[in-house]
């Protein structure tokens, strides 16, 4: 009798589980719906880090070889350069020391002139003589008016005493940020509490 009862209970649980799976296949989970609708009212967001916008630099839709977008903050200078070797590189100079913060990894000794273009479809592409060699692969399903580039700087502090900055490169248009091309965080110093 005990075996029959256990079999019956197991079978009931299995059938109930299968029935739930069938109904869940056609419904987007609640967590996904929040992300799609970008409404965060139903989720509790608790963060130990405070991020504060400091400044941004605007650049038109084309960055030609040898041109740079420069952002200065205190003793730091950030330069995003479209190099003639087809590599898009973000440099940070501080106290006379220059370091690479980010790069597109597109160094290619090709003949021609590279350009970084913010497109009307929300994608940002490096072209060499009209041939695409790199892109963000981020498009939108609407026309982006006045596509442009923005280099943005944020400060970061957390409750554990760490402070730093965040640098973002963004494709903007339609009076908003459309796509983040890259985002880099780095630590300034440790503050002992």
N, C-alpha and C. Protein backbone atom coordinates (compact mmCIF):
# COMPACT_ATOMS: atom_id res chain seq x y z
N UNK A 1 0.82 -1.19 0.00
CA UNK A 1 0.00 0.00 0.00
C UNK A 1 0.87 1.26 0.00
N UNK A 2 1.94 1.20 0.79
CA UNK A 2 2.84 2.34 0.87
C UNK A 2 3.48 2.63 -0.49
N UNK A 3 3.85 1.60 -1.22
CA UNK A 3 4.45 1.75 -2.54
C UNK A 3 3.46 2.38 -3.51
N UNK A 4 2.20 1.93 -3.48
CA UNK A 4 1.19 2.49 -4.37
C UNK A 4 0.94 3.96 -4.06
N UNK A 5 0.91 4.30 -2.80
CA UNK A 5 0.70 5.69 -2.40
C UNK A 5 1.85 6.57 -2.87
N UNK A 6 3.08 6.11 -2.70
CA UNK A 6 4.25 6.87 -3.14
C UNK A 6 4.26 7.03 -4.65
N UNK A 7 3.89 5.98 -5.38
CA UNK A 7 3.82 6.05 -6.83
C UNK A 7 2.77 7.05 -7.26
N UNK A 8 1.60 7.02 -6.62
CA UNK A 8 0.52 7.94 -6.95
C UNK A 8 0.95 9.39 -6.70
N UNK A 9 1.59 9.66 -5.56
CA UNK A 9 2.04 11.02 -5.25
C UNK A 9 3.11 11.49 -6.22
N UNK A 10 4.03 10.61 -6.56
CA UNK A 10 5.09 10.97 -7.50
C UNK A 10 4.51 11.28 -8.87
N UNK A 11 3.57 10.46 -9.33
CA UNK A 11 2.93 10.67 -10.62
C UNK A 11 2.15 11.98 -10.64
N UNK A 12 1.45 12.28 -9.56
CA UNK A 12 0.69 13.53 -9.46
C UNK A 12 1.61 14.74 -9.55
N UNK A 13 2.73 14.68 -8.84
CA UNK A 13 3.68 15.79 -8.87
C UNK A 13 4.30 15.95 -10.25
N UNK A 14 4.59 14.85 -10.91
CA UNK A 14 5.17 14.89 -12.25
C UNK A 14 4.19 15.52 -13.24
N UNK A 15 2.93 15.11 -13.18
CA UNK A 15 1.92 15.66 -14.09
C UNK A 15 1.71 17.15 -13.82
N UNK A 16 1.68 17.55 -12.58
CA UNK A 16 1.51 18.97 -12.25
C UNK A 16 2.70 19.78 -12.75
N UNK A 17 3.88 19.22 -12.63
CA UNK A 17 5.08 19.90 -13.11
C UNK A 17 5.05 20.06 -14.62
N UNK A 18 4.66 19.02 -15.34
CA UNK A 18 4.57 19.08 -16.80
C UNK A 18 3.54 20.11 -17.24
N UNK A 19 2.43 20.18 -16.55
CA UNK A 19 1.38 21.14 -16.90
C UNK A 19 1.90 22.57 -16.72
N UNK A 20 2.68 22.81 -15.67
CA UNK A 20 3.25 24.14 -15.47
C UNK A 20 4.24 24.48 -16.55
N UNK A 21 5.05 23.51 -16.99
CA UNK A 21 6.02 23.75 -18.05
C UNK A 21 5.34 24.18 -19.33
N UNK A 22 4.20 23.54 -19.68
CA UNK A 22 3.51 23.89 -20.91
C UNK A 22 2.99 25.32 -20.86
N UNK A 23 2.47 25.75 -19.74
CA UNK A 23 1.95 27.12 -19.66
C UNK A 23 3.09 28.13 -19.61
N UNK A 24 4.22 27.77 -19.06
CA UNK A 24 5.35 28.70 -18.98
C UNK A 24 6.04 28.88 -20.32
N UNK A 25 5.92 27.89 -21.23
CA UNK A 25 6.56 28.01 -22.53
C UNK A 25 6.01 29.18 -23.33
N UNK A 26 4.77 29.54 -23.13
CA UNK A 26 4.14 30.60 -23.90
C UNK A 26 4.11 31.94 -23.18
N UNK A 27 4.71 32.02 -22.02
CA UNK A 27 4.66 33.25 -21.24
C UNK A 27 6.08 33.69 -20.93
N UNK A 28 6.35 34.98 -21.11
CA UNK A 28 7.65 35.52 -20.77
C UNK A 28 7.74 35.63 -19.25
N UNK A 29 8.84 35.18 -18.65
CA UNK A 29 8.97 35.29 -17.20
C UNK A 29 8.87 36.75 -16.75
N UNK A 30 8.42 36.95 -15.53
CA UNK A 30 8.23 38.31 -15.00
C UNK A 30 9.52 39.10 -15.01
N UNK A 31 10.65 38.47 -14.72
CA UNK A 31 11.94 39.18 -14.70
C UNK A 31 12.27 39.72 -16.08
N UNK A 32 11.99 38.94 -17.13
CA UNK A 32 12.22 39.39 -18.50
C UNK A 32 11.30 40.54 -18.85
N UNK A 33 10.05 40.48 -18.43
CA UNK A 33 9.11 41.54 -18.75
C UNK A 33 9.58 42.85 -18.15
N UNK A 34 10.13 42.82 -16.97
CA UNK A 34 10.63 44.04 -16.36
C UNK A 34 11.77 44.59 -17.19
N UNK A 35 12.68 43.72 -17.64
CA UNK A 35 13.82 44.18 -18.43
C UNK A 35 13.36 44.74 -19.76
N UNK A 36 12.40 44.11 -20.41
CA UNK A 36 11.92 44.57 -21.71
C UNK A 36 11.22 45.91 -21.56
N UNK A 37 10.38 46.04 -20.57
CA UNK A 37 9.62 47.28 -20.38
C UNK A 37 10.42 48.36 -19.66
N UNK A 38 11.59 48.03 -19.17
CA UNK A 38 12.48 48.93 -18.46
C UNK A 38 11.80 49.60 -17.26
N UNK A 39 10.87 48.92 -16.66
CA UNK A 39 10.22 49.43 -15.46
C UNK A 39 10.81 48.71 -14.27
N UNK A 40 11.41 49.44 -13.39
CA UNK A 40 12.08 48.81 -12.25
C UNK A 40 11.28 48.97 -10.97
N UNK A 41 10.02 49.33 -11.11
CA UNK A 41 9.23 49.57 -9.91
C UNK A 41 8.90 48.29 -9.18
N UNK A 42 8.88 47.16 -9.87
CA UNK A 42 8.50 45.92 -9.21
C UNK A 42 9.71 45.17 -8.65
N UNK A 43 10.94 45.68 -8.90
CA UNK A 43 12.14 45.04 -8.38
C UNK A 43 12.80 45.94 -7.34
N UNK A 44 13.46 45.31 -6.43
CA UNK A 44 14.20 46.04 -5.42
C UNK A 44 15.65 46.11 -5.87
N UNK A 45 16.13 47.29 -6.19
CA UNK A 45 17.51 47.48 -6.60
C UNK A 45 18.31 48.02 -5.42
N UNK A 46 19.21 47.21 -4.91
CA UNK A 46 20.05 47.62 -3.81
C UNK A 46 21.48 47.56 -4.31
N UNK A 47 22.19 48.67 -4.19
CA UNK A 47 23.55 48.72 -4.68
C UNK A 47 24.46 49.27 -3.59
N UNK A 48 25.67 48.76 -3.58
CA UNK A 48 26.65 49.27 -2.63
C UNK A 48 27.51 50.34 -3.27
N UNK A 49 27.28 50.63 -4.56
CA UNK A 49 28.07 51.59 -5.30
C UNK A 49 27.21 52.77 -5.74
N UNK A 50 27.74 53.97 -5.56
CA UNK A 50 27.09 55.18 -6.03
C UNK A 50 27.81 55.66 -7.28
N UNK A 51 27.07 55.87 -8.35
CA UNK A 51 27.64 56.34 -9.61
C UNK A 51 27.04 57.71 -9.91
N UNK A 52 27.92 58.69 -10.15
CA UNK A 52 27.48 60.06 -10.38
C UNK A 52 28.04 60.56 -11.71
N UNK A 53 27.16 61.08 -12.57
CA UNK A 53 27.57 61.65 -13.85
C UNK A 53 28.38 62.91 -13.62
N UNK A 54 29.55 63.02 -14.28
CA UNK A 54 30.39 64.20 -14.13
C UNK A 54 30.33 65.10 -15.36
N UNK A 55 30.62 64.53 -16.53
CA UNK A 55 30.63 65.34 -17.74
C UNK A 55 30.63 64.46 -18.98
N UNK A 56 30.36 65.11 -20.13
CA UNK A 56 30.43 64.41 -21.40
C UNK A 56 30.92 65.36 -22.47
N UNK A 57 31.46 64.76 -23.52
CA UNK A 57 31.92 65.50 -24.68
C UNK A 57 31.18 64.95 -25.89
N UNK A 58 30.63 65.86 -26.68
CA UNK A 58 29.85 65.52 -27.86
C UNK A 58 30.75 65.59 -29.10
N UNK A 59 30.57 64.66 -30.03
CA UNK A 59 31.29 64.67 -31.31
C UNK A 59 30.30 64.30 -32.41
N UNK A 60 30.40 64.91 -33.59
CA UNK A 60 29.50 64.55 -34.69
C UNK A 60 29.60 63.08 -35.08
N UNK A 61 28.91 62.69 -36.12
CA UNK A 61 28.75 61.28 -36.47
C UNK A 61 29.97 60.61 -37.09
N UNK A 62 31.00 61.36 -37.47
CA UNK A 62 32.17 60.75 -38.12
C UNK A 62 33.44 61.15 -37.38
N UNK A 63 34.26 60.14 -37.07
CA UNK A 63 35.58 60.35 -36.48
C UNK A 63 36.59 59.81 -37.47
N UNK A 64 37.33 60.71 -38.12
CA UNK A 64 38.28 60.32 -39.16
C UNK A 64 39.61 59.88 -38.55
N UNK A 65 40.42 59.21 -39.36
CA UNK A 65 41.75 58.76 -38.92
C UNK A 65 42.55 59.96 -38.43
N UNK A 66 43.17 59.81 -37.26
CA UNK A 66 43.97 60.87 -36.68
C UNK A 66 43.19 61.84 -35.81
N UNK A 67 41.86 61.78 -35.84
CA UNK A 67 41.04 62.65 -35.00
C UNK A 67 40.81 62.00 -33.64
N UNK A 68 40.50 62.84 -32.66
CA UNK A 68 40.29 62.35 -31.30
C UNK A 68 39.12 63.07 -30.65
N UNK A 69 38.48 62.37 -29.73
CA UNK A 69 37.50 62.97 -28.84
C UNK A 69 38.21 63.05 -27.49
N UNK A 70 38.32 64.26 -26.95
CA UNK A 70 39.10 64.48 -25.74
C UNK A 70 38.21 64.96 -24.60
N UNK A 71 38.41 64.36 -23.44
CA UNK A 71 37.69 64.74 -22.23
C UNK A 71 38.72 64.96 -21.13
N UNK A 72 38.71 66.14 -20.52
CA UNK A 72 39.66 66.49 -19.47
C UNK A 72 38.92 66.59 -18.14
N UNK A 73 39.48 65.95 -17.10
CA UNK A 73 38.89 66.03 -15.76
C UNK A 73 40.01 66.02 -14.74
N UNK A 74 40.22 67.17 -14.12
CA UNK A 74 41.31 67.28 -13.14
C UNK A 74 42.65 67.02 -13.80
N UNK A 75 43.42 66.10 -13.23
CA UNK A 75 44.73 65.77 -13.79
C UNK A 75 44.66 64.64 -14.81
N UNK A 76 43.46 64.24 -15.20
CA UNK A 76 43.29 63.15 -16.17
C UNK A 76 42.83 63.70 -17.51
N UNK A 77 43.40 63.13 -18.56
CA UNK A 77 42.94 63.45 -19.91
C UNK A 77 42.63 62.13 -20.61
N UNK A 78 41.41 62.02 -21.12
CA UNK A 78 41.00 60.85 -21.88
C UNK A 78 40.94 61.24 -23.35
N UNK A 79 41.52 60.42 -24.20
CA UNK A 79 41.46 60.66 -25.64
C UNK A 79 41.06 59.37 -26.34
N UNK A 80 39.96 59.44 -27.07
CA UNK A 80 39.53 58.34 -27.92
C UNK A 80 39.98 58.69 -29.33
N UNK A 81 40.92 57.92 -29.86
CA UNK A 81 41.56 58.25 -31.13
C UNK A 81 41.24 57.18 -32.17
N UNK A 82 40.81 57.63 -33.36
CA UNK A 82 40.69 56.74 -34.51
C UNK A 82 42.05 56.76 -35.18
N UNK A 83 42.83 55.73 -34.92
CA UNK A 83 44.21 55.69 -35.40
C UNK A 83 44.27 55.32 -36.88
N UNK A 84 45.30 55.77 -37.58
CA UNK A 84 45.44 55.42 -39.00
C UNK A 84 45.62 53.92 -39.25
N UNK A 85 45.97 53.14 -38.20
CA UNK A 85 46.15 51.69 -38.35
C UNK A 85 44.84 50.93 -38.16
N UNK A 86 43.70 51.63 -38.19
CA UNK A 86 42.35 51.07 -38.09
C UNK A 86 41.93 50.72 -36.67
N UNK A 87 42.74 51.01 -35.68
CA UNK A 87 42.41 50.69 -34.30
C UNK A 87 41.80 51.92 -33.62
N UNK A 88 40.67 51.73 -32.95
CA UNK A 88 40.04 52.78 -32.15
C UNK A 88 40.53 52.57 -30.72
N UNK A 89 41.21 53.57 -30.15
CA UNK A 89 41.86 53.39 -28.85
C UNK A 89 41.50 54.53 -27.90
N UNK A 90 41.18 54.16 -26.65
CA UNK A 90 40.95 55.14 -25.59
C UNK A 90 42.19 55.17 -24.71
N UNK A 91 42.83 56.34 -24.63
CA UNK A 91 44.00 56.54 -23.79
C UNK A 91 43.63 57.40 -22.59
N UNK A 92 44.31 57.14 -21.47
CA UNK A 92 44.20 58.01 -20.30
C UNK A 92 45.60 58.49 -19.97
N UNK A 93 45.75 59.82 -19.84
CA UNK A 93 47.03 60.40 -19.45
C UNK A 93 46.85 61.03 -18.08
N UNK A 94 47.73 60.65 -17.16
CA UNK A 94 47.69 61.18 -15.79
C UNK A 94 49.12 61.32 -15.30
N UNK A 95 49.46 62.50 -14.83
CA UNK A 95 50.81 62.80 -14.32
C UNK A 95 51.88 62.44 -15.34
N UNK A 96 51.62 62.72 -16.59
CA UNK A 96 52.59 62.46 -17.65
C UNK A 96 52.66 61.02 -18.11
N UNK A 97 51.91 60.13 -17.50
CA UNK A 97 51.91 58.72 -17.88
C UNK A 97 50.66 58.41 -18.70
N UNK A 98 50.85 57.83 -19.87
CA UNK A 98 49.73 57.49 -20.75
C UNK A 98 49.55 55.98 -20.79
N UNK A 99 48.30 55.54 -20.65
CA UNK A 99 48.00 54.10 -20.72
C UNK A 99 46.76 53.87 -21.58
N UNK A 100 46.69 52.68 -22.15
CA UNK A 100 45.53 52.29 -22.94
C UNK A 100 44.46 51.79 -21.98
N UNK A 101 43.26 52.36 -22.10
CA UNK A 101 42.13 51.97 -21.26
C UNK A 101 41.25 50.98 -21.99
N UNK A 102 41.08 51.17 -23.30
CA UNK A 102 40.23 50.30 -24.12
C UNK A 102 40.70 50.42 -25.56
N UNK A 103 40.50 49.33 -26.34
CA UNK A 103 40.78 49.40 -27.79
C UNK A 103 39.87 48.43 -28.51
N UNK A 104 39.63 48.71 -29.78
CA UNK A 104 38.73 47.88 -30.59
C UNK A 104 39.41 46.63 -31.11
N UNK A 105 40.73 46.53 -30.94
CA UNK A 105 41.49 45.36 -31.40
C UNK A 105 41.33 45.16 -32.91
N UNK A 106 41.39 46.26 -33.65
CA UNK A 106 41.22 46.19 -35.11
C UNK A 106 42.46 46.67 -35.84
N UNK A 107 43.62 46.54 -35.22
CA UNK A 107 44.86 46.93 -35.89
C UNK A 107 45.02 46.08 -37.14
N UNK A 108 45.08 46.76 -38.26
CA UNK A 108 45.30 46.09 -39.54
C UNK A 108 46.07 47.04 -40.44
N UNK A 109 47.21 46.63 -40.94
CA UNK A 109 47.95 47.51 -41.85
C UNK A 109 47.33 47.49 -43.25
N UNK A 110 46.16 48.12 -43.38
CA UNK A 110 45.46 48.17 -44.66
C UNK A 110 45.73 49.51 -45.33
N UNK A 111 45.74 49.49 -46.64
CA UNK A 111 45.79 50.75 -47.36
C UNK A 111 44.42 51.38 -47.26
N UNK A 112 44.39 52.67 -47.14
CA UNK A 112 43.11 53.35 -47.06
C UNK A 112 43.02 54.19 -45.80
N UNK A 113 41.87 54.80 -45.65
CA UNK A 113 41.65 55.71 -44.53
C UNK A 113 40.49 55.22 -43.68
N UNK A 114 40.75 54.87 -42.43
CA UNK A 114 39.65 54.42 -41.57
C UNK A 114 38.81 55.59 -41.06
N UNK A 115 37.54 55.28 -40.82
CA UNK A 115 36.59 56.22 -40.24
C UNK A 115 35.70 55.46 -39.28
N UNK A 116 35.37 56.10 -38.17
CA UNK A 116 34.35 55.57 -37.27
C UNK A 116 33.09 56.37 -37.54
N UNK A 117 31.99 55.66 -37.84
CA UNK A 117 30.74 56.33 -38.21
C UNK A 117 29.61 55.87 -37.30
N UNK A 118 28.91 56.85 -36.71
CA UNK A 118 27.67 56.60 -35.97
C UNK A 118 26.54 56.63 -36.99
N UNK A 119 25.88 55.51 -37.17
CA UNK A 119 24.90 55.36 -38.25
C UNK A 119 23.48 55.64 -37.79
N UNK A 120 22.61 55.84 -38.77
CA UNK A 120 21.20 56.13 -38.52
C UNK A 120 20.44 54.93 -37.97
N UNK A 121 21.04 53.73 -38.05
CA UNK A 121 20.37 52.54 -37.52
C UNK A 121 20.80 52.20 -36.09
N UNK A 122 21.62 53.07 -35.48
CA UNK A 122 22.06 52.86 -34.10
C UNK A 122 23.35 52.08 -33.98
N UNK A 123 23.92 51.64 -35.08
CA UNK A 123 25.17 50.89 -35.07
C UNK A 123 26.33 51.86 -35.23
N UNK A 124 27.48 51.53 -34.64
CA UNK A 124 28.69 52.30 -34.85
C UNK A 124 29.68 51.38 -35.55
N UNK A 125 30.27 51.86 -36.65
CA UNK A 125 31.07 51.01 -37.53
C UNK A 125 32.38 51.69 -37.88
N UNK A 126 33.47 50.90 -37.87
CA UNK A 126 34.75 51.37 -38.41
C UNK A 126 34.82 50.88 -39.85
N UNK A 127 34.98 51.83 -40.76
CA UNK A 127 35.13 51.53 -42.18
C UNK A 127 36.54 51.87 -42.62
N UNK A 128 37.07 51.08 -43.55
CA UNK A 128 38.31 51.41 -44.23
C UNK A 128 38.00 51.44 -45.71
N UNK A 129 38.05 52.63 -46.31
CA UNK A 129 37.67 52.81 -47.72
C UNK A 129 36.29 52.25 -48.01
N UNK A 130 35.36 52.45 -47.11
CA UNK A 130 33.98 52.02 -47.31
C UNK A 130 33.70 50.57 -46.96
N UNK A 131 34.72 49.83 -46.55
CA UNK A 131 34.54 48.42 -46.19
C UNK A 131 34.50 48.31 -44.66
N UNK A 132 33.42 47.73 -44.10
CA UNK A 132 33.34 47.63 -42.64
C UNK A 132 34.35 46.62 -42.09
N UNK A 133 35.09 47.02 -41.05
CA UNK A 133 36.05 46.10 -40.42
C UNK A 133 35.72 45.84 -38.95
N UNK A 134 34.80 46.63 -38.38
CA UNK A 134 34.38 46.44 -36.98
C UNK A 134 33.07 47.15 -36.78
N UNK A 135 32.21 46.59 -35.91
CA UNK A 135 30.97 47.29 -35.56
C UNK A 135 30.51 46.85 -34.19
N UNK A 136 29.60 47.63 -33.62
CA UNK A 136 29.08 47.32 -32.30
C UNK A 136 28.02 46.23 -32.35
N UNK A 137 27.49 45.98 -33.54
CA UNK A 137 26.44 44.99 -33.73
C UNK A 137 25.23 45.31 -32.85
N UNK A 138 24.98 46.59 -32.68
CA UNK A 138 23.83 47.05 -31.89
C UNK A 138 23.02 48.00 -32.77
N UNK A 139 21.93 47.50 -33.29
CA UNK A 139 21.06 48.33 -34.10
C UNK A 139 19.73 48.50 -33.38
N UNK A 140 18.97 49.48 -33.83
CA UNK A 140 17.65 49.73 -33.28
C UNK A 140 16.64 49.64 -34.42
N UNK A 141 15.38 49.47 -34.08
CA UNK A 141 14.36 49.31 -35.12
C UNK A 141 13.65 50.63 -35.43
N UNK A 142 14.37 51.74 -35.28
CA UNK A 142 13.83 53.04 -35.64
C UNK A 142 14.96 53.90 -36.19
N UNK A 143 14.61 54.97 -36.86
CA UNK A 143 15.58 55.88 -37.46
C UNK A 143 16.17 56.77 -36.37
N UNK A 144 17.49 56.83 -36.30
CA UNK A 144 18.16 57.68 -35.32
C UNK A 144 18.45 59.03 -35.97
N UNK A 145 17.79 60.07 -35.48
CA UNK A 145 18.05 61.42 -35.97
C UNK A 145 19.31 61.95 -35.33
N UNK A 146 20.13 62.63 -36.12
CA UNK A 146 21.36 63.24 -35.63
C UNK A 146 22.22 62.25 -34.84
N UNK A 147 22.62 61.12 -35.46
CA UNK A 147 23.50 60.20 -34.72
C UNK A 147 24.83 60.88 -34.42
N UNK A 148 25.31 60.70 -33.21
CA UNK A 148 26.56 61.33 -32.80
C UNK A 148 27.24 60.47 -31.73
N UNK A 149 28.45 60.87 -31.38
CA UNK A 149 29.24 60.13 -30.41
C UNK A 149 29.39 60.97 -29.15
N UNK A 150 29.39 60.29 -27.99
CA UNK A 150 29.60 60.98 -26.72
C UNK A 150 30.56 60.17 -25.87
N UNK A 151 31.51 60.85 -25.29
CA UNK A 151 32.40 60.26 -24.30
C UNK A 151 31.93 60.80 -22.95
N UNK A 152 31.58 59.91 -22.02
CA UNK A 152 30.99 60.31 -20.75
C UNK A 152 31.85 59.84 -19.59
N UNK A 153 31.91 60.65 -18.55
CA UNK A 153 32.70 60.32 -17.37
C UNK A 153 31.80 60.34 -16.14
N UNK A 154 31.95 59.31 -15.31
CA UNK A 154 31.18 59.16 -14.07
C UNK A 154 32.16 58.92 -12.92
N UNK A 155 31.78 59.34 -11.72
CA UNK A 155 32.55 58.96 -10.53
C UNK A 155 31.86 57.78 -9.88
N UNK A 156 32.64 56.94 -9.20
CA UNK A 156 32.11 55.76 -8.52
C UNK A 156 32.67 55.72 -7.11
N UNK A 157 31.79 55.44 -6.16
CA UNK A 157 32.22 55.23 -4.77
C UNK A 157 31.36 54.14 -4.19
N UNK A 158 31.98 53.28 -3.37
CA UNK A 158 31.17 52.26 -2.73
C UNK A 158 31.31 52.33 -1.21
N UNK A 159 30.49 51.57 -0.54
CA UNK A 159 30.45 51.64 0.93
C UNK A 159 31.68 51.01 1.58
N UNK A 160 32.53 50.36 0.80
CA UNK A 160 33.72 49.71 1.35
C UNK A 160 34.95 50.61 1.26
N UNK A 161 34.79 51.82 0.71
CA UNK A 161 35.91 52.75 0.66
C UNK A 161 36.61 52.85 -0.67
N UNK A 162 36.19 52.11 -1.67
CA UNK A 162 36.82 52.18 -2.97
C UNK A 162 36.21 53.31 -3.78
N UNK A 163 37.06 54.05 -4.47
CA UNK A 163 36.55 55.09 -5.36
C UNK A 163 37.20 54.92 -6.71
N UNK A 164 36.52 55.37 -7.72
CA UNK A 164 37.04 55.24 -9.07
C UNK A 164 36.20 56.03 -10.04
N UNK A 165 36.36 55.70 -11.30
CA UNK A 165 35.63 56.37 -12.36
C UNK A 165 35.11 55.33 -13.35
N UNK A 166 34.11 55.73 -14.07
CA UNK A 166 33.59 54.95 -15.19
C UNK A 166 33.63 55.86 -16.41
N UNK A 167 34.18 55.33 -17.49
CA UNK A 167 34.18 56.07 -18.76
C UNK A 167 33.33 55.28 -19.74
N UNK A 168 32.42 55.98 -20.40
CA UNK A 168 31.53 55.33 -21.36
C UNK A 168 31.63 56.03 -22.71
N UNK A 169 31.56 55.23 -23.76
CA UNK A 169 31.47 55.76 -25.12
C UNK A 169 30.11 55.36 -25.64
N UNK A 170 29.34 56.35 -26.08
CA UNK A 170 27.92 56.14 -26.37
C UNK A 170 27.58 56.68 -27.75
N UNK A 171 26.70 55.96 -28.44
CA UNK A 171 26.08 56.50 -29.65
C UNK A 171 24.80 57.18 -29.21
N UNK A 172 24.69 58.45 -29.52
CA UNK A 172 23.51 59.22 -29.15
C UNK A 172 22.72 59.64 -30.38
N UNK A 173 21.51 60.07 -30.14
CA UNK A 173 20.62 60.57 -31.19
C UNK A 173 19.22 60.66 -30.64
N UNK A 174 18.34 61.33 -31.36
CA UNK A 174 16.95 61.49 -30.91
C UNK A 174 16.90 62.05 -29.49
N UNK A 175 17.86 62.90 -29.13
CA UNK A 175 17.95 63.52 -27.80
C UNK A 175 18.07 62.51 -26.66
N UNK A 176 18.75 61.39 -26.92
CA UNK A 176 18.95 60.38 -25.88
C UNK A 176 20.18 59.54 -26.21
N UNK A 177 20.62 58.73 -25.24
CA UNK A 177 21.66 57.74 -25.50
C UNK A 177 20.99 56.54 -26.16
N UNK A 178 21.51 56.11 -27.30
CA UNK A 178 20.91 54.99 -28.03
C UNK A 178 21.60 53.68 -27.66
N UNK A 179 22.93 53.62 -27.82
CA UNK A 179 23.68 52.40 -27.55
C UNK A 179 24.99 52.71 -26.85
N UNK A 180 25.33 51.92 -25.84
CA UNK A 180 26.64 52.00 -25.22
C UNK A 180 27.60 51.19 -26.07
N UNK A 181 28.67 51.83 -26.54
CA UNK A 181 29.68 51.13 -27.33
C UNK A 181 30.60 50.37 -26.39
N UNK A 182 31.10 51.05 -25.37
CA UNK A 182 31.88 50.37 -24.33
C UNK A 182 31.78 51.15 -23.04
N UNK A 183 32.12 50.47 -21.96
CA UNK A 183 32.10 51.05 -20.61
C UNK A 183 33.27 50.43 -19.85
N UNK A 184 34.10 51.29 -19.26
CA UNK A 184 35.28 50.81 -18.54
C UNK A 184 35.29 51.42 -17.15
N UNK A 185 35.46 50.59 -16.13
CA UNK A 185 35.59 51.04 -14.75
C UNK A 185 37.05 50.91 -14.33
N UNK A 186 37.53 51.87 -13.57
CA UNK A 186 38.87 51.75 -13.01
C UNK A 186 38.89 52.39 -11.63
N UNK A 187 39.75 51.86 -10.78
CA UNK A 187 39.85 52.31 -9.39
C UNK A 187 40.87 53.43 -9.29
N UNK A 188 40.53 54.48 -8.54
CA UNK A 188 41.46 55.59 -8.31
C UNK A 188 42.37 55.29 -7.14
N UNK A 189 41.74 55.04 -6.01
CA UNK A 189 42.50 54.81 -4.78
C UNK A 189 41.58 54.15 -3.76
N UNK A 190 42.15 53.63 -2.75
CA UNK A 190 41.38 53.03 -1.67
C UNK A 190 41.32 54.01 -0.51
N UNK A 191 40.13 54.25 -0.03
CA UNK A 191 39.94 55.13 1.12
C UNK A 191 39.70 54.24 2.33
N UNK A 192 40.53 54.35 3.34
CA UNK A 192 40.37 53.53 4.53
C UNK A 192 39.44 54.23 5.50
N UNK A 193 38.44 53.52 5.95
CA UNK A 193 37.44 54.09 6.86
C UNK A 193 37.81 53.86 8.30
